[in-house]
Amino acid sequence: MGTIRWSQLQQGDWDLIIAATDKGLCWIGSEGRGFDELEEWAGARRPGAELIRDDRALDPYRKQLGEYFDGGRTEFDLPVDLGGTPFQQKVWQALRDIPCGETVTYSDIAERIGHPTAVRAVAAAIGANPVLMLVPCHRVIGKNGKLTGFRGGLSMKERLLALEAAE
């Protein structure tokens, strides 16, 4: 299954694990969860992949994510290797089209991808997003305007939305 290179990103009070294949960034971990979360994900989604720490290979990704966390970047131009089903890829592209500082609902995403009744499937695809921030699933909120599930936890989602509101 190939090699996944990983590194730790520590920027301000952010601390997370990022990983990439030769094709691009494939994982951004949850705040404070560490290497175990990457191992678990790789075992389930990329079985047989070798995990190798390689800070230098991840420098371009750390640089852009660091700029984002410092408030100096609202978009990314990094290659990604998301995997996923065609449906998930469609959902993830719709997420990438949400402008920084804006939020949408799960229903909005379902409508944008042409499956207005597939709200639960959209939510499942969003939950499977391996690359937080670059595929900004934190910008999706409940129909009632409340924050809803997020792999990194609701406090991380709150922090990301506050960061983007300040930009």
N, C-alpha and C. Protein backbone atom coordinates (compact mmCIF):
# COMPACT_ATOMS: atom_id res chain seq x y z
N MET A 1 0.84 -1.21 0.00
CA MET A 1 0.00 0.00 0.00
C MET A 1 0.86 1.25 0.00
N GLY A 2 2.16 1.11 0.10
CA GLY A 2 3.01 2.28 -0.01
C GLY A 2 3.40 2.87 1.33
N THR A 3 3.96 4.06 1.23
CA THR A 3 4.50 4.74 2.39
C THR A 3 3.69 5.98 2.70
N ILE A 4 3.44 6.20 3.97
CA ILE A 4 2.84 7.45 4.46
C ILE A 4 3.87 8.11 5.35
N ARG A 5 4.27 9.31 4.96
CA ARG A 5 5.21 10.09 5.76
C ARG A 5 4.40 11.00 6.68
N TRP A 6 4.90 11.15 7.92
CA TRP A 6 4.14 11.96 8.87
C TRP A 6 5.07 12.87 9.65
N SER A 7 4.46 13.87 10.26
CA SER A 7 5.19 14.82 11.08
C SER A 7 4.23 15.42 12.10
N GLN A 8 4.80 16.05 13.10
CA GLN A 8 4.00 16.76 14.09
C GLN A 8 4.03 18.24 13.74
N LEU A 9 2.86 18.85 13.78
CA LEU A 9 2.75 20.29 13.56
C LEU A 9 2.43 20.95 14.89
N GLN A 10 3.35 21.78 15.36
CA GLN A 10 3.11 22.56 16.57
C GLN A 10 3.21 24.02 16.18
N GLN A 11 2.11 24.72 16.28
CA GLN A 11 2.04 26.12 15.87
C GLN A 11 1.21 26.86 16.90
N GLY A 12 1.83 27.79 17.60
CA GLY A 12 1.10 28.46 18.68
C GLY A 12 0.63 27.41 19.67
N ASP A 13 -0.67 27.42 19.97
CA ASP A 13 -1.18 26.40 20.88
C ASP A 13 -1.86 25.24 20.14
N TRP A 14 -1.57 25.11 18.85
CA TRP A 14 -2.06 23.98 18.06
C TRP A 14 -1.00 22.88 18.06
N ASP A 15 -1.45 21.65 18.17
CA ASP A 15 -0.54 20.50 18.17
C ASP A 15 -1.27 19.33 17.52
N LEU A 16 -0.84 18.97 16.30
CA LEU A 16 -1.49 17.86 15.62
C LEU A 16 -0.53 17.15 14.68
N ILE A 17 -0.94 15.97 14.25
CA ILE A 17 -0.15 15.13 13.36
C ILE A 17 -0.67 15.31 11.94
N ILE A 18 0.25 15.44 10.98
CA ILE A 18 -0.12 15.50 9.58
C ILE A 18 0.64 14.40 8.83
N ALA A 19 0.09 13.95 7.72
CA ALA A 19 0.71 12.86 6.97
C ALA A 19 0.43 13.01 5.49
N ALA A 20 1.35 12.49 4.68
CA ALA A 20 1.21 12.59 3.23
C ALA A 20 1.77 11.34 2.55
N THR A 21 1.19 11.04 1.40
CA THR A 21 1.74 10.03 0.50
C THR A 21 2.54 10.79 -0.56
N ASP A 22 3.05 10.07 -1.53
CA ASP A 22 3.74 10.73 -2.64
C ASP A 22 2.79 11.57 -3.47
N LYS A 23 1.48 11.31 -3.37
CA LYS A 23 0.47 12.06 -4.14
C LYS A 23 0.04 13.35 -3.45
N GLY A 24 0.18 13.42 -2.13
CA GLY A 24 -0.24 14.63 -1.42
C GLY A 24 -0.67 14.34 0.00
N LEU A 25 -1.11 15.39 0.67
CA LEU A 25 -1.54 15.30 2.07
C LEU A 25 -2.71 14.33 2.18
N CYS A 26 -2.61 13.38 3.08
CA CYS A 26 -3.67 12.38 3.21
C CYS A 26 -4.31 12.38 4.59
N TRP A 27 -3.74 13.11 5.56
CA TRP A 27 -4.26 13.07 6.93
C TRP A 27 -3.88 14.34 7.68
N ILE A 28 -4.85 14.91 8.35
CA ILE A 28 -4.60 15.94 9.36
C ILE A 28 -5.34 15.46 10.60
N GLY A 29 -4.60 15.27 11.67
CA GLY A 29 -5.17 14.72 12.88
C GLY A 29 -5.94 15.73 13.70
N SER A 30 -6.60 15.21 14.71
CA SER A 30 -7.35 16.03 15.65
C SER A 30 -6.39 16.68 16.63
N GLU A 31 -6.76 17.83 17.11
CA GLU A 31 -5.99 18.59 18.08
C GLU A 31 -5.63 17.72 19.28
N GLY A 32 -4.32 17.58 19.54
CA GLY A 32 -3.86 16.89 20.73
C GLY A 32 -4.01 15.38 20.75
N ARG A 33 -4.46 14.75 19.66
CA ARG A 33 -4.70 13.30 19.67
C ARG A 33 -3.42 12.49 19.44
N GLY A 34 -2.47 13.01 18.70
CA GLY A 34 -1.19 12.32 18.53
C GLY A 34 -1.16 11.24 17.48
N PHE A 35 -0.04 10.51 17.51
CA PHE A 35 0.28 9.51 16.50
C PHE A 35 -0.71 8.33 16.49
N ASP A 36 -1.25 7.98 17.66
CA ASP A 36 -2.18 6.85 17.75
C ASP A 36 -3.38 7.02 16.80
N GLU A 37 -3.87 8.23 16.68
CA GLU A 37 -5.01 8.49 15.81
C GLU A 37 -4.64 8.21 14.36
N LEU A 38 -3.44 8.62 13.94
CA LEU A 38 -2.96 8.35 12.58
C LEU A 38 -2.83 6.84 12.36
N GLU A 39 -2.24 6.15 13.31
CA GLU A 39 -2.08 4.68 13.20
C GLU A 39 -3.42 3.99 13.03
N GLU A 40 -4.39 4.40 13.82
CA GLU A 40 -5.73 3.82 13.76
C GLU A 40 -6.36 4.07 12.39
N TRP A 41 -6.28 5.32 11.92
CA TRP A 41 -6.85 5.67 10.61
C TRP A 41 -6.15 4.90 9.49
N ALA A 42 -4.82 4.87 9.50
CA ALA A 42 -4.07 4.19 8.44
C ALA A 42 -4.39 2.70 8.43
N GLY A 43 -4.52 2.09 9.62
CA GLY A 43 -4.86 0.68 9.69
C GLY A 43 -6.21 0.37 9.05
N ALA A 44 -7.16 1.30 9.20
CA ALA A 44 -8.50 1.10 8.66
C ALA A 44 -8.61 1.53 7.19
N ARG A 45 -7.99 2.65 6.83
CA ARG A 45 -8.18 3.23 5.49
C ARG A 45 -7.04 2.96 4.51
N ARG A 46 -5.86 2.69 5.03
CA ARG A 46 -4.69 2.43 4.18
C ARG A 46 -3.93 1.23 4.72
N PRO A 47 -4.60 0.08 4.81
CA PRO A 47 -3.95 -1.08 5.42
C PRO A 47 -2.66 -1.46 4.69
N GLY A 48 -1.66 -1.79 5.48
CA GLY A 48 -0.38 -2.19 4.91
C GLY A 48 0.57 -1.04 4.63
N ALA A 49 0.09 0.18 4.77
CA ALA A 49 0.97 1.34 4.52
C ALA A 49 2.01 1.43 5.63
N GLU A 50 3.22 1.77 5.24
CA GLU A 50 4.30 1.96 6.20
C GLU A 50 4.29 3.42 6.65
N LEU A 51 4.28 3.64 7.96
CA LEU A 51 4.29 4.99 8.52
C LEU A 51 5.71 5.37 8.90
N ILE A 52 6.22 6.44 8.29
CA ILE A 52 7.59 6.88 8.52
C ILE A 52 7.58 8.35 8.90
N ARG A 53 8.21 8.69 10.02
CA ARG A 53 8.33 10.10 10.38
C ARG A 53 9.33 10.75 9.43
N ASP A 54 8.91 11.87 8.81
CA ASP A 54 9.76 12.57 7.85
C ASP A 54 9.37 14.05 7.88
N ASP A 55 9.94 14.76 8.85
CA ASP A 55 9.58 16.17 9.04
C ASP A 55 9.86 17.00 7.79
N ARG A 56 10.99 16.73 7.14
CA ARG A 56 11.36 17.53 5.98
C ARG A 56 10.37 17.38 4.82
N ALA A 57 9.92 16.16 4.58
CA ALA A 57 8.95 15.93 3.50
C ALA A 57 7.63 16.65 3.76
N LEU A 58 7.31 16.87 5.03
CA LEU A 58 6.04 17.51 5.38
C LEU A 58 6.17 19.03 5.56
N ASP A 59 7.38 19.57 5.39
CA ASP A 59 7.60 21.01 5.58
C ASP A 59 6.64 21.90 4.77
N PRO A 60 6.41 21.62 3.47
CA PRO A 60 5.49 22.51 2.73
C PRO A 60 4.09 22.53 3.33
N TYR A 61 3.65 21.38 3.83
CA TYR A 61 2.32 21.29 4.44
C TYR A 61 2.30 22.01 5.79
N ARG A 62 3.35 21.80 6.56
CA ARG A 62 3.44 22.48 7.87
C ARG A 62 3.47 23.99 7.68
N LYS A 63 4.18 24.44 6.65
CA LYS A 63 4.29 25.88 6.38
C LYS A 63 2.91 26.48 6.12
N GLN A 64 2.15 25.89 5.18
CA GLN A 64 0.84 26.47 4.85
C GLN A 64 -0.14 26.34 6.01
N LEU A 65 -0.14 25.22 6.71
CA LEU A 65 -1.03 25.08 7.86
C LEU A 65 -0.63 26.05 8.97
N GLY A 66 0.66 26.26 9.16
CA GLY A 66 1.13 27.24 10.14
C GLY A 66 0.66 28.63 9.80
N GLU A 67 0.73 28.99 8.51
CA GLU A 67 0.24 30.31 8.08
C GLU A 67 -1.27 30.44 8.34
N TYR A 68 -2.00 29.35 8.12
CA TYR A 68 -3.44 29.34 8.40
C TYR A 68 -3.69 29.59 9.89
N PHE A 69 -2.99 28.84 10.75
CA PHE A 69 -3.19 28.99 12.19
C PHE A 69 -2.78 30.37 12.68
N ASP A 70 -1.82 31.00 12.00
CA ASP A 70 -1.38 32.35 12.36
C ASP A 70 -2.29 33.43 11.78
N GLY A 71 -3.31 33.04 11.03
CA GLY A 71 -4.25 34.01 10.46
C GLY A 71 -3.79 34.60 9.14
N GLY A 72 -2.73 34.07 8.55
CA GLY A 72 -2.20 34.64 7.31
C GLY A 72 -2.58 33.89 6.06
N ARG A 73 -3.42 32.89 6.15
CA ARG A 73 -3.80 32.11 4.96
C ARG A 73 -5.26 31.67 5.10
N THR A 74 -6.01 31.80 4.02
CA THR A 74 -7.41 31.36 4.02
C THR A 74 -7.66 30.25 3.01
N GLU A 75 -6.72 30.00 2.11
CA GLU A 75 -6.84 28.94 1.12
C GLU A 75 -5.53 28.18 1.04
N PHE A 76 -5.62 26.94 0.57
CA PHE A 76 -4.45 26.08 0.45
C PHE A 76 -4.27 25.67 -1.00
N ASP A 77 -3.01 25.54 -1.42
CA ASP A 77 -2.75 25.06 -2.78
C ASP A 77 -1.87 23.81 -2.75
N LEU A 78 -2.08 23.01 -1.73
CA LEU A 78 -1.31 21.79 -1.55
C LEU A 78 -1.99 20.62 -2.24
N PRO A 79 -1.21 19.69 -2.78
CA PRO A 79 -1.83 18.48 -3.33
C PRO A 79 -2.37 17.61 -2.19
N VAL A 80 -3.47 16.94 -2.46
CA VAL A 80 -4.07 16.04 -1.47
C VAL A 80 -4.26 14.66 -2.08
N ASP A 81 -4.27 13.67 -1.21
CA ASP A 81 -4.53 12.29 -1.59
C ASP A 81 -5.61 11.79 -0.64
N LEU A 82 -6.86 12.05 -1.00
CA LEU A 82 -7.98 11.83 -0.08
C LEU A 82 -8.51 10.40 -0.08
N GLY A 83 -8.32 9.68 -1.18
CA GLY A 83 -8.96 8.37 -1.27
C GLY A 83 -10.46 8.57 -1.27
N GLY A 84 -11.19 7.64 -0.70
CA GLY A 84 -12.63 7.78 -0.59
C GLY A 84 -13.39 7.30 -1.81
N THR A 85 -14.69 7.17 -1.63
CA THR A 85 -15.59 6.75 -2.71
C THR A 85 -15.89 7.95 -3.60
N PRO A 86 -16.44 7.72 -4.80
CA PRO A 86 -16.85 8.86 -5.64
C PRO A 86 -17.82 9.80 -4.92
N PHE A 87 -18.76 9.24 -4.13
CA PHE A 87 -19.71 10.09 -3.39
C PHE A 87 -18.97 10.94 -2.36
N GLN A 88 -18.06 10.32 -1.60
CA GLN A 88 -17.29 11.09 -0.61
C GLN A 88 -16.49 12.18 -1.30
N GLN A 89 -15.87 11.87 -2.41
CA GLN A 89 -15.07 12.86 -3.12
C GLN A 89 -15.92 14.05 -3.58
N LYS A 90 -17.15 13.76 -3.99
CA LYS A 90 -18.06 14.83 -4.41
C LYS A 90 -18.40 15.74 -3.22
N VAL A 91 -18.67 15.12 -2.07
CA VAL A 91 -18.98 15.87 -0.84
C VAL A 91 -17.76 16.70 -0.44
N TRP A 92 -16.58 16.08 -0.44
CA TRP A 92 -15.37 16.78 -0.01
C TRP A 92 -15.06 17.95 -0.93
N GLN A 93 -15.33 17.81 -2.22
CA GLN A 93 -15.11 18.95 -3.14
C GLN A 93 -16.09 20.08 -2.80
N ALA A 94 -17.33 19.73 -2.49
CA ALA A 94 -18.31 20.76 -2.11
C ALA A 94 -17.85 21.49 -0.85
N LEU A 95 -17.22 20.77 0.08
CA LEU A 95 -16.69 21.42 1.29
C LEU A 95 -15.57 22.39 0.93
N ARG A 96 -14.73 21.99 -0.01
CA ARG A 96 -13.61 22.86 -0.41
C ARG A 96 -14.09 24.13 -1.09
N ASP A 97 -15.32 24.12 -1.58
CA ASP A 97 -15.89 25.29 -2.24
C ASP A 97 -16.52 26.28 -1.27
N ILE A 98 -16.60 25.94 0.03
CA ILE A 98 -17.16 26.86 1.03
C ILE A 98 -16.10 27.91 1.34
N PRO A 99 -16.40 29.19 1.12
CA PRO A 99 -15.40 30.23 1.42
C PRO A 99 -15.05 30.29 2.90
N CYS A 100 -13.81 30.62 3.16
CA CYS A 100 -13.33 30.78 4.53
C CYS A 100 -14.18 31.84 5.24
N GLY A 101 -14.58 31.55 6.46
CA GLY A 101 -15.38 32.49 7.24
C GLY A 101 -16.87 32.28 7.08
N GLU A 102 -17.28 31.37 6.20
CA GLU A 102 -18.71 31.10 6.01
C GLU A 102 -19.03 29.70 6.52
N THR A 103 -20.30 29.49 6.84
CA THR A 103 -20.76 28.16 7.23
C THR A 103 -21.97 27.79 6.39
N VAL A 104 -22.19 26.49 6.26
CA VAL A 104 -23.35 25.95 5.54
C VAL A 104 -23.90 24.79 6.35
N THR A 105 -25.08 24.31 5.98
CA THR A 105 -25.67 23.17 6.67
C THR A 105 -25.42 21.89 5.87
N TYR A 106 -25.67 20.77 6.51
CA TYR A 106 -25.57 19.47 5.84
C TYR A 106 -26.53 19.43 4.65
N SER A 107 -27.73 19.99 4.83
CA SER A 107 -28.72 20.04 3.74
C SER A 107 -28.20 20.85 2.56
N ASP A 108 -27.51 21.96 2.85
CA ASP A 108 -26.93 22.77 1.78
C ASP A 108 -25.96 21.95 0.94
N ILE A 109 -25.11 21.18 1.61
CA ILE A 109 -24.14 20.35 0.89
C ILE A 109 -24.86 19.29 0.07
N ALA A 110 -25.87 18.65 0.65
CA ALA A 110 -26.64 17.63 -0.08
C ALA A 110 -27.25 18.24 -1.35
N GLU A 111 -27.78 19.44 -1.25
CA GLU A 111 -28.36 20.11 -2.42
C GLU A 111 -27.28 20.46 -3.44
N ARG A 112 -26.14 20.97 -2.97
CA ARG A 112 -25.07 21.37 -3.88
C ARG A 112 -24.52 20.21 -4.70
N ILE A 113 -24.55 19.01 -4.14
CA ILE A 113 -24.03 17.87 -4.90
C ILE A 113 -25.13 17.13 -5.67
N GLY A 114 -26.35 17.68 -5.64
CA GLY A 114 -27.43 17.10 -6.42
C GLY A 114 -28.13 15.91 -5.77
N HIS A 115 -27.99 15.76 -4.46
CA HIS A 115 -28.65 14.68 -3.71
C HIS A 115 -29.35 15.27 -2.49
N PRO A 116 -30.40 16.08 -2.71
CA PRO A 116 -31.00 16.81 -1.59
C PRO A 116 -31.59 15.94 -0.48
N THR A 117 -31.89 14.69 -0.75
CA THR A 117 -32.44 13.82 0.29
C THR A 117 -31.37 12.98 0.98
N ALA A 118 -30.13 13.12 0.59
CA ALA A 118 -29.05 12.29 1.12
C ALA A 118 -28.29 12.97 2.26
N VAL A 119 -29.00 13.65 3.13
CA VAL A 119 -28.36 14.42 4.20
C VAL A 119 -27.55 13.51 5.13
N ARG A 120 -28.09 12.34 5.48
CA ARG A 120 -27.35 11.43 6.36
C ARG A 120 -26.08 10.89 5.68
N ALA A 121 -26.19 10.57 4.40
CA ALA A 121 -25.01 10.09 3.66
C ALA A 121 -23.97 11.19 3.55
N VAL A 122 -24.42 12.42 3.37
CA VAL A 122 -23.51 13.57 3.34
C VAL A 122 -22.81 13.70 4.69
N ALA A 123 -23.57 13.58 5.78
CA ALA A 123 -22.97 13.69 7.11
C ALA A 123 -21.93 12.59 7.33
N ALA A 124 -22.21 11.38 6.86
CA ALA A 124 -21.25 10.28 7.00
C ALA A 124 -19.99 10.56 6.19
N ALA A 125 -20.15 11.09 4.98
CA ALA A 125 -18.99 11.42 4.14
C ALA A 125 -18.16 12.52 4.79
N ILE A 126 -18.83 13.50 5.36
CA ILE A 126 -18.12 14.58 6.05
C ILE A 126 -17.35 14.01 7.24
N GLY A 127 -17.97 13.10 7.96
CA GLY A 127 -17.31 12.48 9.11
C GLY A 127 -16.09 11.65 8.73
N ALA A 128 -16.03 11.19 7.50
CA ALA A 128 -14.91 10.38 7.03
C ALA A 128 -13.78 11.22 6.44
N ASN A 129 -13.93 12.53 6.41
CA ASN A 129 -12.92 13.42 5.84
C ASN A 129 -11.58 13.25 6.56
N PRO A 130 -10.53 12.87 5.81
CA PRO A 130 -9.24 12.64 6.46
C PRO A 130 -8.37 13.88 6.62
N VAL A 131 -8.75 14.97 5.97
CA VAL A 131 -7.86 16.13 5.91
C VAL A 131 -8.60 17.37 6.44
N LEU A 132 -8.69 17.45 7.77
CA LEU A 132 -9.33 18.61 8.41
C LEU A 132 -8.65 19.89 7.93
N MET A 133 -9.35 20.97 7.89
CA MET A 133 -8.93 22.30 7.45
C MET A 133 -8.82 22.40 5.93
N LEU A 134 -8.04 21.53 5.27
CA LEU A 134 -7.93 21.60 3.82
C LEU A 134 -9.25 21.24 3.16
N VAL A 135 -9.94 20.28 3.72
CA VAL A 135 -11.32 19.98 3.35
C VAL A 135 -12.13 20.43 4.57
N PRO A 136 -12.60 21.67 4.54
CA PRO A 136 -13.07 22.35 5.77
C PRO A 136 -14.44 21.89 6.27
N CYS A 137 -14.48 20.68 6.79
CA CYS A 137 -15.73 20.14 7.32
C CYS A 137 -16.20 20.90 8.56
N HIS A 138 -15.29 21.66 9.18
CA HIS A 138 -15.68 22.45 10.36
C HIS A 138 -16.66 23.57 9.98
N ARG A 139 -16.78 23.87 8.69
CA ARG A 139 -17.68 24.94 8.25
C ARG A 139 -19.11 24.46 8.07
N VAL A 140 -19.37 23.20 8.38
CA VAL A 140 -20.73 22.65 8.26
C VAL A 140 -21.36 22.60 9.65
N ILE A 141 -22.55 23.18 9.74
CA ILE A 141 -23.26 23.28 11.02
C ILE A 141 -24.65 22.68 10.88
N GLY A 142 -25.32 22.50 11.99
CA GLY A 142 -26.67 21.97 11.97
C GLY A 142 -27.66 22.97 11.38
N LYS A 143 -28.79 22.46 10.94
CA LYS A 143 -29.85 23.29 10.35
C LYS A 143 -30.30 24.39 11.31
N ASN A 144 -30.22 24.10 12.62
CA ASN A 144 -30.64 25.05 13.64
C ASN A 144 -29.55 26.08 13.98
N GLY A 145 -28.41 26.01 13.25
CA GLY A 145 -27.33 26.95 13.48
C GLY A 145 -26.34 26.52 14.55
N LYS A 146 -26.59 25.37 15.17
CA LYS A 146 -25.70 24.90 16.24
C LYS A 146 -24.55 24.09 15.66
N LEU A 147 -23.45 24.07 16.42
CA LEU A 147 -22.32 23.24 16.03
C LEU A 147 -22.69 21.78 16.24
N THR A 148 -22.28 20.96 15.28
CA THR A 148 -22.57 19.53 15.35
C THR A 148 -21.26 18.77 15.23
N GLY A 149 -21.33 17.45 15.26
CA GLY A 149 -20.18 16.57 15.27
C GLY A 149 -18.99 16.99 14.44
N PHE A 150 -17.83 16.68 14.96
CA PHE A 150 -16.56 17.00 14.30
C PHE A 150 -15.52 16.04 14.85
N ARG A 151 -14.77 15.38 13.97
CA ARG A 151 -13.79 14.39 14.42
C ARG A 151 -12.84 14.96 15.46
N GLY A 152 -12.46 16.21 15.32
CA GLY A 152 -11.53 16.84 16.25
C GLY A 152 -12.17 17.32 17.54
N GLY A 153 -13.49 17.16 17.66
CA GLY A 153 -14.21 17.62 18.84
C GLY A 153 -14.80 19.01 18.61
N LEU A 154 -15.87 19.30 19.31
CA LEU A 154 -16.55 20.59 19.11
C LEU A 154 -15.70 21.78 19.53
N SER A 155 -14.82 21.61 20.52
CA SER A 155 -13.98 22.75 20.92
C SER A 155 -13.00 23.09 19.81
N MET A 156 -12.47 22.09 19.10
CA MET A 156 -11.58 22.36 17.97
C MET A 156 -12.36 23.04 16.84
N LYS A 157 -13.59 22.57 16.59
CA LYS A 157 -14.43 23.18 15.56
C LYS A 157 -14.69 24.65 15.90
N GLU A 158 -15.01 24.91 17.16
CA GLU A 158 -15.24 26.29 17.61
C GLU A 158 -14.01 27.16 17.38
N ARG A 159 -12.84 26.63 17.75
CA ARG A 159 -11.59 27.38 17.58
C ARG A 159 -11.33 27.69 16.10
N LEU A 160 -11.57 26.71 15.23
CA LEU A 160 -11.33 26.93 13.80
C LEU A 160 -12.27 27.99 13.24
N LEU A 161 -13.54 27.93 13.62
CA LEU A 161 -14.50 28.92 13.15
C LEU A 161 -14.17 30.31 13.69
N ALA A 162 -13.73 30.40 14.93
CA ALA A 162 -13.33 31.69 15.52
C ALA A 162 -12.08 32.22 14.81
N LEU A 163 -11.14 31.35 14.50
CA LEU A 163 -9.93 31.74 13.79
C LEU A 163 -10.31 32.34 12.43
N GLU A 164 -11.20 31.67 11.70
CA GLU A 164 -11.59 32.13 10.39
C GLU A 164 -12.44 33.40 10.45
N ALA A 165 -13.24 33.55 11.50
CA ALA A 165 -14.04 34.77 11.65
C ALA A 165 -13.15 35.97 11.87
N ALA A 166 -11.99 35.74 12.52
CA ALA A 166 -11.05 36.83 12.81
C ALA A 166 -10.26 37.24 11.57
N GLU A 167 -10.16 36.31 10.60
CA GLU A 167 -9.33 36.61 9.41
C GLU A 167 -10.05 37.60 8.58
